[in-house]
Amino acid sequence: MVLSGCQNLVGSNKLAIFETDTLNSSYSSEDKDLWKVIANQQEIRVDDNSRVQSHINWITQRPDYLASISKRAKPFLYLVISEVEKEQLPIEIALLPIVESDYYPFSYSHGTATGIWQFIPSTGRMYGLEEDWWYEDRRDVLASTKAALHYLKDLNQMFEGDWLLSIAAYNAGPGRVQRAIDKNIKQGKKTDYWSLDLPKETEKYVPKLLAIAKVLKDPARYNQKLLSIENKPYLESVKLESQFDLALIAQWTNLSIDEIYSFNPGLKRWATPEALPYTILLPIDVVGDFKEVLSNQKNRPKVSWTRYKVKEGDSLGVIAQNFNTTIHQIQSVNEIKGNLIRANSYLIVPLARESEDYYSLSDDQRENSRLNASKNSEKLIYKVVSGDSLWKISQDFSVTVNELVRWNKIVPTAPLSIGKELVILIDDKEKTELAKITHTGIDINRNIVYTVKSGDNLSLIAQRYKVKVSQIRDWNDLNEKDILQPGDKLTITINVVNSNLS
């Protein structure tokens, strides 16, 4: 069996749909702080050794380490602990997402693993974690937690109740761990975790988990000031029976669009999935108001639609791409069988309430952020040497640690291996010179070409670039009867001194 990196052997039921009481299951603990729950209920007993101590030293030198993780874990820690206890696993398993992803649900590793449990696609599918155009189960916190715990239970059964071997197999794959055991048996050596010849990453993986568990028992001793996380549910699930524009959910809950994506990181686009029902996670304190509005607005459309006239050369694929939706959805709404459409006919297509950049943590916008980071920049490849850290490299190249993490899709607290190649983007001379001109106050106009997006109109575009609608019409020979279509190109003149655009 060659599974690795955070991976099952079970069936493929859809895990993204769950009942409300799943998040509110109680467990027996008088501790009011979830970190103390973990500290006081630990089961995995290990004698101190140098490998664990090395990670304890690393944590001790970074006083903000667990405090920063607390901020990311706060919405999800109760949920994870509840599932761990429901499956009767050691409480330390709730710390694995720290080792895997620092509890950052959008984390990517090696370009394929994602989510707080860092499932790779193949193992995710084996445990029922599915993906479509709208949604990614591996990033869904509850779905991936259920899958990860099922996988860990299977591994623990495979390794006869040895949790250190089970956790090592979660990282390296059960086949790799079993081969190391078989090798030691042939050589007459011990077969416990500490005696095995495993990949360097796995040799650090288990000690890091044990180090975090030990630090939690006495944070002050190890220079850590934990942020308390209350021992009560933070999120509640609400079952949606129709597709919802996320902007409408933000309006009805007074949550920011970033908060909605952060609580529901499996969402990939501007709306909830087309497949129904879909269960969204919302902070408990907004659920009551949201349900009330939902009840009062029962018959109101939750997604906007527009009537689109098919042009020569159009295809369902092109139309779906322009309107940020799927071919299947257009086919379904318009009762189209196959892909044939006729010019001058009309289609009903879904339309986002806001412009694309409003949906800031959608897959498309996060990809745009990565691409924009490389725009007007010189790409350097840097090889890690002994003594390097992300902080040191960031200082050497005058960039931020967050930029290094984003450019290279790495976990910020993962050790850097010597020889690892990192991408570093350095602003080029032209961009630097433009910045200098801007700061001197020289009045310079610059023409840009803007591509019209779904939901755009002249008023919105003018507002964005701080110009007048009449000016846009003059620059592009438009009259009042002209209708903008997604994909149209507009020339807009901006003043670089009065604009933050580059």
Foldseek 3Di string as FASTA:
>chain_A
DFDAAQFDDAAADALQDDDFCLLFDDDDDPDFFLLVVLLVQADDDDDDDDLLVVLLLVLLVPQCLQAVLCVLCQQPLLSLQSLCVVLPHGSLVSCLLCLRFSNQLQFADPNAFGGSSRYGVVRCRSQNFDDDLFFGSNSFRNSVSNSSSNHLVVLCVVVVNQNLLSQLCSHRNNVQLVVQQVVCVVVVHDNHPVGGDHPPLSSNRSSNSVNVSVCSNPVVVSSYDHDGRGNGNFKTKDKAFAKAFLVVVCVQQVNALVVQCSQGVGGAARIHDHDDTGIGIDTPVRVVSSVVVCVVCVPPDRWDKDKDFAAPPDWLVVVCVQQVHDSVVQCVVQVNDDTDDDGRDITIDTHRQDFRCSNCSHNVNLVVVLVVLQPQWDKDKDFAAPPDALCVVCVVQVHDSVNQCSNASDRRPRDDDGGDITIDIGHDPVVVVLVVCLVVPDWDKDKDKDFDGGNDDLVVVCVVQVHDSVVQCVQVVHDPPDDDGGGDITIDIHTSNPDPDD
